[in-house]
Amino acid sequence: MLASAGDGMVYLRHNGEGTALNALDGSIAMRGAFAVPVAVLPDGTALIPTGEPYEYALASPQTQ
């Protein structure tokens, strides 16, 4: 099931696992037991469910 898309990635949830696909070529960038974001902004900031009702974590990409 499609969960979200953004920052050049498409995020899917299936059977309790997450999969991140490269939006340009469809290659699998990441697969496994990770929190799949429900929304991703163009700058890579993601809204991730915490498991608690109505609670989400905001994750920002690291800048160098």
PDB file of N, CA and C in Angstrom:
ATOM      1  N   MET A   1       0.846  -1.162   0.000  1.00  0.00           N
ATOM      2  CA  MET A   1       0.000   0.000   0.000  1.00  0.00           C
ATOM      3  C   MET A   1       0.900   1.236   0.000  1.00  0.00           C
ATOM      4  N   LEU A   2       0.606   2.177  -0.868  1.00  0.00           N
ATOM      5  CA  LEU A   2       1.342   3.432  -0.924  1.00  0.00           C
ATOM      6  C   LEU A   2       1.106   4.208   0.352  1.00  0.00           C
ATOM      7  N   ALA A   3       2.167   4.625   1.019  1.00  0.00           N
ATOM      8  CA  ALA A   3       2.048   5.393   2.252  1.00  0.00           C
ATOM      9  C   ALA A   3       2.305   6.873   1.995  1.00  0.00           C
ATOM     10  N   SER A   4       3.363   7.181   1.246  1.00  0.00           N
ATOM     11  CA  SER A   4       3.676   8.573   0.948  1.00  0.00           C
ATOM     12  C   SER A   4       4.729   8.633  -0.154  1.00  0.00           C
ATOM     13  N   ALA A   5       4.934   9.840  -0.660  1.00  0.00           N
ATOM     14  CA  ALA A   5       5.951  10.064  -1.683  1.00  0.00           C
ATOM     15  C   ALA A   5       6.509  11.463  -1.500  1.00  0.00           C
ATOM     16  N   GLY A   6       7.768  11.606  -1.783  1.00  0.00           N
ATOM     17  CA  GLY A   6       8.403  12.914  -1.701  1.00  0.00           C
ATOM     18  C   GLY A   6       9.899  12.770  -1.617  1.00  0.00           C
ATOM     19  N   ASP A   7      10.617  13.852  -1.891  1.00  0.00           N
ATOM     20  CA  ASP A   7      12.064  13.876  -1.820  1.00  0.00           C
ATOM     21  C   ASP A   7      12.691  12.801  -2.703  1.00  0.00           C
ATOM     22  N   GLY A   8      12.061  12.520  -3.857  1.00  0.00           N
ATOM     23  CA  GLY A   8      12.598  11.535  -4.790  1.00  0.00           C
ATOM     24  C   GLY A   8      12.375  10.098  -4.406  1.00  0.00           C
ATOM     25  N   MET A   9      11.554   9.858  -3.358  1.00  0.00           N
ATOM     26  CA  MET A   9      11.305   8.495  -2.887  1.00  0.00           C
ATOM     27  C   MET A   9       9.809   8.216  -2.831  1.00  0.00           C
ATOM     28  N   VAL A  10       9.465   6.949  -2.963  1.00  0.00           N
ATOM     29  CA  VAL A  10       8.092   6.474  -2.778  1.00  0.00           C
ATOM     30  C   VAL A  10       8.144   5.467  -1.634  1.00  0.00           C
ATOM     31  N   TYR A  11       7.284   5.652  -0.636  1.00  0.00           N
ATOM     32  CA  TYR A  11       7.290   4.797   0.552  1.00  0.00           C
ATOM     33  C   TYR A  11       6.055   3.899   0.551  1.00  0.00           C
ATOM     34  N   LEU A  12       6.268   2.598   0.748  1.00  0.00           N
ATOM     35  CA  LEU A  12       5.197   1.607   0.742  1.00  0.00           C
ATOM     36  C   LEU A  12       5.196   0.853   2.057  1.00  0.00           C
ATOM     37  N   ARG A  13       4.008   0.369   2.451  1.00  0.00           N
ATOM     38  CA  ARG A  13       3.870  -0.535   3.600  1.00  0.00           C
ATOM     39  C   ARG A  13       3.223  -1.810   3.077  1.00  0.00           C
ATOM     40  N   HIS A  14       3.777  -2.961   3.488  1.00  0.00           N
ATOM     41  CA  HIS A  14       3.219  -4.245   3.081  1.00  0.00           C
ATOM     42  C   HIS A  14       3.584  -5.291   4.122  1.00  0.00           C
ATOM     43  N   ASN A  15       2.584  -5.949   4.675  1.00  0.00           N
ATOM     44  CA  ASN A  15       2.791  -7.014   5.671  1.00  0.00           C
ATOM     45  C   ASN A  15       3.690  -6.559   6.830  1.00  0.00           C
ATOM     46  N   GLY A  16       3.489  -5.347   7.302  1.00  0.00           N
ATOM     47  CA  GLY A  16       4.230  -4.856   8.450  1.00  0.00           C
ATOM     48  C   GLY A  16       5.637  -4.379   8.168  1.00  0.00           C
ATOM     49  N   GLU A  17       6.060  -4.399   6.921  1.00  0.00           N
ATOM     50  CA  GLU A  17       7.390  -3.932   6.562  1.00  0.00           C
ATOM     51  C   GLU A  17       7.296  -2.681   5.709  1.00  0.00           C
ATOM     52  N   GLY A  18       8.354  -1.907   5.744  1.00  0.00           N
ATOM     53  CA  GLY A  18       8.417  -0.719   4.915  1.00  0.00           C
ATOM     54  C   GLY A  18       9.343  -0.943   3.734  1.00  0.00           C
ATOM     55  N   THR A  19       9.064  -0.266   2.635  1.00  0.00           N
ATOM     56  CA  THR A  19       9.922  -0.283   1.464  1.00  0.00           C
ATOM     57  C   THR A  19      10.017   1.133   0.929  1.00  0.00           C
ATOM     58  N   ALA A  20      11.228   1.558   0.653  1.00  0.00           N
ATOM     59  CA  ALA A  20      11.459   2.868   0.040  1.00  0.00           C
ATOM     60  C   ALA A  20      11.997   2.629  -1.366  1.00  0.00           C
ATOM     61  N   LEU A  21      11.313   3.178  -2.345  1.00  0.00           N
ATOM     62  CA  LEU A  21      11.726   3.034  -3.740  1.00  0.00           C
ATOM     63  C   LEU A  21      12.233   4.364  -4.276  1.00  0.00           C
ATOM     64  N   ASN A  22      13.230   4.305  -5.133  1.00  0.00           N
ATOM     65  CA  ASN A  22      13.703   5.482  -5.836  1.00  0.00           C
ATOM     66  C   ASN A  22      12.631   5.843  -6.859  1.00  0.00           C
ATOM     67  N   ALA A  23      12.133   7.071  -6.811  1.00  0.00           N
ATOM     68  CA  ALA A  23      11.036   7.476  -7.691  1.00  0.00           C
ATOM     69  C   ALA A  23      11.468   7.577  -9.159  1.00  0.00           C
ATOM     70  N   LEU A  24      12.742   7.749  -9.418  1.00  0.00           N
ATOM     71  CA  LEU A  24      13.203   7.897 -10.795  1.00  0.00           C
ATOM     72  C   LEU A  24      13.356   6.579 -11.536  1.00  0.00           C
ATOM     73  N   ASP A  25      13.949   5.588 -10.868  1.00  0.00           N
ATOM     74  CA  ASP A  25      14.189   4.331 -11.580  1.00  0.00           C
ATOM     75  C   ASP A  25      13.488   3.112 -10.977  1.00  0.00           C
ATOM     76  N   GLY A  26      12.802   3.291  -9.836  1.00  0.00           N
ATOM     77  CA  GLY A  26      12.061   2.197  -9.229  1.00  0.00           C
ATOM     78  C   GLY A  26      12.897   1.232  -8.416  1.00  0.00           C
ATOM     79  N   SER A  27      14.192   1.506  -8.279  1.00  0.00           N
ATOM     80  CA  SER A  27      15.039   0.592  -7.512  1.00  0.00           C
ATOM     81  C   SER A  27      14.699   0.680  -6.018  1.00  0.00           C
ATOM     82  N   ILE A  28      14.926  -0.414  -5.315  1.00  0.00           N
ATOM     83  CA  ILE A  28      14.655  -0.463  -3.878  1.00  0.00           C
ATOM     84  C   ILE A  28      15.825   0.197  -3.153  1.00  0.00           C
ATOM     85  N   ALA A  29      15.531   1.282  -2.434  1.00  0.00           N
ATOM     86  CA  ALA A  29      16.559   1.989  -1.678  1.00  0.00           C
ATOM     87  C   ALA A  29      16.682   1.442  -0.264  1.00  0.00           C
ATOM     88  N   MET A  30      15.568   0.960   0.287  1.00  0.00           N
ATOM     89  CA  MET A  30      15.559   0.465   1.662  1.00  0.00           C
ATOM     90  C   MET A  30      14.362  -0.459   1.833  1.00  0.00           C
ATOM     91  N   ARG A  31      14.550  -1.515   2.617  1.00  0.00           N
ATOM     92  CA  ARG A  31      13.449  -2.435   2.912  1.00  0.00           C
ATOM     93  C   ARG A  31      13.653  -3.009   4.300  1.00  0.00           C
ATOM     94  N   GLY A  32      12.563  -3.127   5.065  1.00  0.00           N
ATOM     95  CA  GLY A  32      12.684  -3.726   6.388  1.00  0.00           C
ATOM     96  C   GLY A  32      11.721  -3.142   7.386  1.00  0.00           C
ATOM     97  N   ALA A  33      12.045  -3.321   8.647  1.00  0.00           N
ATOM     98  CA  ALA A  33      11.187  -2.868   9.745  1.00  0.00           C
ATOM     99  C   ALA A  33      11.587  -1.449  10.132  1.00  0.00           C
ATOM    100  N   PHE A  34      11.051  -0.473   9.430  1.00  0.00           N
ATOM    101  CA  PHE A  34      11.291   0.919   9.770  1.00  0.00           C
ATOM    102  C   PHE A  34       9.967   1.677   9.711  1.00  0.00           C
ATOM    103  N   ALA A  35       9.926   2.800  10.381  1.00  0.00           N
ATOM    104  CA  ALA A  35       8.707   3.617  10.396  1.00  0.00           C
ATOM    105  C   ALA A  35       8.535   4.295   9.043  1.00  0.00           C
ATOM    106  N   VAL A  36       7.451   3.987   8.386  1.00  0.00           N
ATOM    107  CA  VAL A  36       7.163   4.565   7.077  1.00  0.00           C
ATOM    108  C   VAL A  36       6.471   5.908   7.284  1.00  0.00           C
ATOM    109  N   PRO A  37       7.006   6.974   6.689  1.00  0.00           N
ATOM    110  CA  PRO A  37       6.382   8.285   6.877  1.00  0.00           C
ATOM    111  C   PRO A  37       4.995   8.345   6.245  1.00  0.00           C
ATOM    112  N   VAL A  38       4.124   9.148   6.863  1.00  0.00           N
ATOM    113  CA  VAL A  38       2.789   9.353   6.296  1.00  0.00           C
ATOM    114  C   VAL A  38       2.776  10.547   5.363  1.00  0.00           C
ATOM    115  N   ALA A  39       3.805  11.403   5.468  1.00  0.00           N
ATOM    116  CA  ALA A  39       3.945  12.553   4.576  1.00  0.00           C
ATOM    117  C   ALA A  39       5.414  12.930   4.502  1.00  0.00           C
ATOM    118  N   VAL A  40       5.844  13.374   3.309  1.00  0.00           N
ATOM    119  CA  VAL A  40       7.219  13.830   3.110  1.00  0.00           C
ATOM    120  C   VAL A  40       7.166  15.137   2.333  1.00  0.00           C
ATOM    121  N   LEU A  41       7.834  16.168   2.852  1.00  0.00           N
ATOM    122  CA  LEU A  41       7.901  17.454   2.176  1.00  0.00           C
ATOM    123  C   LEU A  41       9.045  17.448   1.162  1.00  0.00           C
ATOM    124  N   PRO A  42       9.032  18.370   0.201  1.00  0.00           N
ATOM    125  CA  PRO A  42      10.090  18.390  -0.826  1.00  0.00           C
ATOM    126  C   PRO A  42      11.510  18.497  -0.265  1.00  0.00           C
ATOM    127  N   ASP A  43      11.676  19.093   0.911  1.00  0.00           N
ATOM    128  CA  ASP A  43      13.020  19.209   1.488  1.00  0.00           C
ATOM    129  C   ASP A  43      13.444  17.961   2.252  1.00  0.00           C
ATOM    130  N   GLY A  44      12.614  16.936   2.285  1.00  0.00           N
ATOM    131  CA  GLY A  44      12.934  15.681   2.952  1.00  0.00           C
ATOM    132  C   GLY A  44      12.405  15.567   4.368  1.00  0.00           C
ATOM    133  N   THR A  45      11.787  16.614   4.894  1.00  0.00           N
ATOM    134  CA  THR A  45      11.175  16.548   6.219  1.00  0.00           C
ATOM    135  C   THR A  45      10.020  15.557   6.172  1.00  0.00           C
ATOM    136  N   ALA A  46       9.936  14.686   7.179  1.00  0.00           N
ATOM    137  CA  ALA A  46       8.928  13.623   7.170  1.00  0.00           C
ATOM    138  C   ALA A  46       8.097  13.628   8.447  1.00  0.00           C
ATOM    139  N   LEU A  47       6.834  13.265   8.303  1.00  0.00           N
ATOM    140  CA  LEU A  47       5.914  13.087   9.422  1.00  0.00           C
ATOM    141  C   LEU A  47       5.767  11.582   9.629  1.00  0.00           C
ATOM    142  N   ILE A  48       6.179  11.101  10.815  1.00  0.00           N
ATOM    143  CA  ILE A  48       6.244   9.660  11.072  1.00  0.00           C
ATOM    144  C   ILE A  48       5.336   9.306  12.240  1.00  0.00           C
ATOM    145  N   PRO A  49       4.469   8.287  12.088  1.00  0.00           N
ATOM    146  CA  PRO A  49       3.600   7.895  13.201  1.00  0.00           C
ATOM    147  C   PRO A  49       4.410   7.292  14.345  1.00  0.00           C
ATOM    148  N   THR A  50       3.994   7.567  15.580  1.00  0.00           N
ATOM    149  CA  THR A  50       4.701   7.048  16.760  1.00  0.00           C
ATOM    150  C   THR A  50       4.099   5.752  17.279  1.00  0.00           C
ATOM    151  N   GLY A  51       2.919   5.415  16.831  1.00  0.00           N
ATOM    152  CA  GLY A  51       2.222   4.254  17.357  1.00  0.00           C
ATOM    153  C   GLY A  51       1.150   4.636  18.356  1.00  0.00           C
ATOM    154  N   GLU A  52       1.191   5.856  18.837  1.00  0.00           N
ATOM    155  CA  GLU A  52       0.177   6.381  19.750  1.00  0.00           C
ATOM    156  C   GLU A  52      -0.861   7.150  18.928  1.00  0.00           C
ATOM    157  N   PRO A  53      -2.135   7.083  19.333  1.00  0.00           N
ATOM    158  CA  PRO A  53      -3.163   7.813  18.594  1.00  0.00           C
ATOM    159  C   PRO A  53      -2.856   9.313  18.555  1.00  0.00           C
ATOM    160  N   TYR A  54      -2.938   9.878  17.387  1.00  0.00           N
ATOM    161  CA  TYR A  54      -2.787  11.322  17.163  1.00  0.00           C
ATOM    162  C   TYR A  54      -1.404  11.866  17.508  1.00  0.00           C
ATOM    163  N   GLU A  55      -0.390  11.011  17.622  1.00  0.00           N
ATOM    164  CA  GLU A  55       0.972  11.466  17.897  1.00  0.00           C
ATOM    165  C   GLU A  55       1.874  11.105  16.727  1.00  0.00           C
ATOM    166  N   TYR A  56       2.627  12.120  16.261  1.00  0.00           N
ATOM    167  CA  TYR A  56       3.550  11.925  15.152  1.00  0.00           C
ATOM    168  C   TYR A  56       4.891  12.561  15.499  1.00  0.00           C
ATOM    169  N   ALA A  57       5.943  12.055  14.924  1.00  0.00           N
ATOM    170  CA  ALA A  57       7.266  12.644  15.072  1.00  0.00           C
ATOM    171  C   ALA A  57       7.606  13.381  13.790  1.00  0.00           C
ATOM    172  N   LEU A  58       8.297  14.486  13.930  1.00  0.00           N
ATOM    173  CA  LEU A  58       8.734  15.257  12.777  1.00  0.00           C
ATOM    174  C   LEU A  58      10.229  15.016  12.612  1.00  0.00           C
ATOM    175  N   ALA A  59      10.621  14.464  11.467  1.00  0.00           N
ATOM    176  CA  ALA A  59      12.020  14.164  11.207  1.00  0.00           C
ATOM    177  C   ALA A  59      12.529  15.083  10.103  1.00  0.00           C
ATOM    178  N   SER A  60      13.659  15.712  10.364  1.00  0.00           N
ATOM    179  CA  SER A  60      14.273  16.614   9.383  1.00  0.00           C
ATOM    180  C   SER A  60      15.573  16.008   8.891  1.00  0.00           C
ATOM    181  N   PRO A  61      15.886  16.199   7.616  1.00  0.00           N
ATOM    182  CA  PRO A  61      17.165  15.674   7.105  1.00  0.00           C
ATOM    183  C   PRO A  61      18.340  16.407   7.746  1.00  0.00           C
ATOM    184  N   GLN A  62      19.433  15.715   7.923  1.00  0.00           N
ATOM    185  CA  GLN A  62      20.634  16.340   8.469  1.00  0.00           C
ATOM    186  C   GLN A  62      21.250  17.240   7.419  1.00  0.00           C
ATOM    187  N   THR A  63      21.708  18.404   7.842  1.00  0.00           N
ATOM    188  CA  THR A  63      22.401  19.303   6.930  1.00  0.00           C
ATOM    189  C   THR A  63      23.863  19.356   7.322  1.00  0.00           C
ATOM    190  N   GLN A  64      24.713  19.533   6.345  1.00  0.00           N
ATOM    191  CA  GLN A  64      26.150  19.556   6.617  1.00  0.00           C
ATOM    192  C   GLN A  64      26.694  20.943   6.423  1.00  0.00           C
TER     193      GLN A  64
END
